[in-house]
Amino acid sequence: MPTAILTGPPVAGSQLEGDLRELGFAVVTATADEDAAALVAAVPAAERVALVDPRLVAHRHALRLALTDPRFPA
């Protein structure tokens, strides 16, 4: 399963975490830079991983295109 790592706590009222889950991502939150590095290292090499700024404001369709569309290289 692809993993999305939020690089900080989610913004109150944000739908980002739910949108990422609906796109098939396991969502985890890094509380510090060191946590993010460890979380990335823990993802199996064959799996997709995305580091996402929790302040991101984007429509679910834009997230889908950016994170899952095979026409765009990772």
C-alpha atoms as a PDB file:
ATOM      1  CA  MET A   1       0.000   0.000   0.000  1.00  0.00           C
ATOM      2  CA  PRO A   2       1.399   3.435  -0.834  1.00  0.00           C
ATOM      3  CA  THR A   3       2.221   5.652   2.119  1.00  0.00           C
ATOM      4  CA  ALA A   4       1.679   9.384   2.563  1.00  0.00           C
ATOM      5  CA  ILE A   5       3.742  10.992   5.295  1.00  0.00           C
ATOM      6  CA  LEU A   6       2.411  14.301   6.555  1.00  0.00           C
ATOM      7  CA  THR A   7       5.364  16.476   7.541  1.00  0.00           C
ATOM      8  CA  GLY A   8       3.591  17.882  10.572  1.00  0.00           C
ATOM      9  CA  PRO A   9       0.289  17.790  12.399  1.00  0.00           C
ATOM     10  CA  PRO A  10      -2.826  18.104  10.232  1.00  0.00           C
ATOM     11  CA  VAL A  11      -4.451  21.520  10.038  1.00  0.00           C
ATOM     12  CA  ALA A  12      -7.745  21.685  11.938  1.00  0.00           C
ATOM     13  CA  GLY A  13     -10.673  21.175   9.589  1.00  0.00           C
ATOM     14  CA  SER A  14      -8.491  19.976   6.714  1.00  0.00           C
ATOM     15  CA  GLN A  15      -9.740  17.124   4.547  1.00  0.00           C
ATOM     16  CA  LEU A  16      -6.242  16.277   3.327  1.00  0.00           C
ATOM     17  CA  GLU A  17      -5.771  13.166   5.454  1.00  0.00           C
ATOM     18  CA  GLY A  18      -9.166  11.765   4.457  1.00  0.00           C
ATOM     19  CA  ASP A  19      -8.559  12.548   0.792  1.00  0.00           C
ATOM     20  CA  LEU A  20      -5.226  10.722   0.888  1.00  0.00           C
ATOM     21  CA  ARG A  21      -6.874   7.698   2.515  1.00  0.00           C
ATOM     22  CA  GLU A  22      -9.604   7.696  -0.148  1.00  0.00           C
ATOM     23  CA  LEU A  23      -6.855   7.614  -2.779  1.00  0.00           C
ATOM     24  CA  GLY A  24      -5.527   4.423  -1.182  1.00  0.00           C
ATOM     25  CA  PHE A  25      -2.677   5.820   0.886  1.00  0.00           C
ATOM     26  CA  ALA A  26      -1.788   4.770   4.398  1.00  0.00           C
ATOM     27  CA  VAL A  27      -1.340   8.105   6.176  1.00  0.00           C
ATOM     28  CA  VAL A  28       1.169   8.685   8.964  1.00  0.00           C
ATOM     29  CA  THR A  29       2.318  11.915  10.581  1.00  0.00           C
ATOM     30  CA  ALA A  30       5.922  12.868  11.246  1.00  0.00           C
ATOM     31  CA  THR A  31       6.372  15.140  14.237  1.00  0.00           C
ATOM     32  CA  ALA A  32       9.987  16.065  13.437  1.00  0.00           C
ATOM     33  CA  ASP A  33      12.408  15.903  10.513  1.00  0.00           C
ATOM     34  CA  GLU A  34      14.054  12.848  12.032  1.00  0.00           C
ATOM     35  CA  ASP A  35      10.679  11.111  12.218  1.00  0.00           C
ATOM     36  CA  ALA A  36      10.060  11.783   8.527  1.00  0.00           C
ATOM     37  CA  ALA A  37      13.403  10.254   7.569  1.00  0.00           C
ATOM     38  CA  ALA A  38      12.725   7.169   9.683  1.00  0.00           C
ATOM     39  CA  LEU A  39       9.204   6.801   8.271  1.00  0.00           C
ATOM     40  CA  VAL A  40      10.482   7.037   4.690  1.00  0.00           C
ATOM     41  CA  ALA A  41      13.175   4.456   5.453  1.00  0.00           C
ATOM     42  CA  ALA A  42      10.534   2.105   6.882  1.00  0.00           C
ATOM     43  CA  VAL A  43       8.521   2.009   3.641  1.00  0.00           C
ATOM     44  CA  PRO A  44       9.393  -1.046   1.505  1.00  0.00           C
ATOM     45  CA  ALA A  45      11.496  -0.143  -1.537  1.00  0.00           C
ATOM     46  CA  ALA A  46       8.830  -1.293  -4.004  1.00  0.00           C
ATOM     47  CA  GLU A  47       6.113   0.897  -2.465  1.00  0.00           C
ATOM     48  CA  ARG A  48       5.264   4.490  -3.332  1.00  0.00           C
ATOM     49  CA  VAL A  49       5.801   7.112  -0.669  1.00  0.00           C
ATOM     50  CA  ALA A  50       4.765  10.766  -0.672  1.00  0.00           C
ATOM     51  CA  LEU A  51       5.927  13.474   1.709  1.00  0.00           C
ATOM     52  CA  VAL A  52       3.042  15.908   2.024  1.00  0.00           C
ATOM     53  CA  ASP A  53       3.002  19.304   3.709  1.00  0.00           C
ATOM     54  CA  PRO A  54      -0.141  19.247   5.888  1.00  0.00           C
ATOM     55  CA  ARG A  55      -0.857  22.883   4.962  1.00  0.00           C
ATOM     56  CA  LEU A  56      -1.477  21.814   1.355  1.00  0.00           C
ATOM     57  CA  VAL A  57      -4.808  22.980   0.021  1.00  0.00           C
ATOM     58  CA  ALA A  58      -5.721  20.982  -3.067  1.00  0.00           C
ATOM     59  CA  HIS A  59      -8.736  19.392  -4.651  1.00  0.00           C
ATOM     60  CA  ARG A  60      -8.827  15.588  -4.419  1.00  0.00           C
ATOM     61  CA  HIS A  61      -8.548  15.367  -8.215  1.00  0.00           C
ATOM     62  CA  ALA A  62      -5.287  17.345  -8.137  1.00  0.00           C
ATOM     63  CA  LEU A  63      -3.952  15.008  -5.442  1.00  0.00           C
ATOM     64  CA  ARG A  64      -4.909  11.991  -7.532  1.00  0.00           C
ATOM     65  CA  LEU A  65      -3.126  13.370 -10.581  1.00  0.00           C
ATOM     66  CA  ALA A  66      -0.012  14.305  -8.641  1.00  0.00           C
ATOM     67  CA  LEU A  67       0.277  11.126  -6.592  1.00  0.00           C
ATOM     68  CA  THR A  68      -1.234   8.267  -8.562  1.00  0.00           C
ATOM     69  CA  ASP A  69      -1.419   9.082 -12.275  1.00  0.00           C
ATOM     70  CA  PRO A  70       1.060   6.816 -14.103  1.00  0.00           C
ATOM     71  CA  ARG A  71       1.526   9.378 -16.890  1.00  0.00           C
ATOM     72  CA  PHE A  72       3.589  11.514 -14.547  1.00  0.00           C
ATOM     73  CA  PRO A  73       6.922  10.155 -13.297  1.00  0.00           C
ATOM     74  CA  ALA A  74       7.303   9.884  -9.550  1.00  0.00           C
END
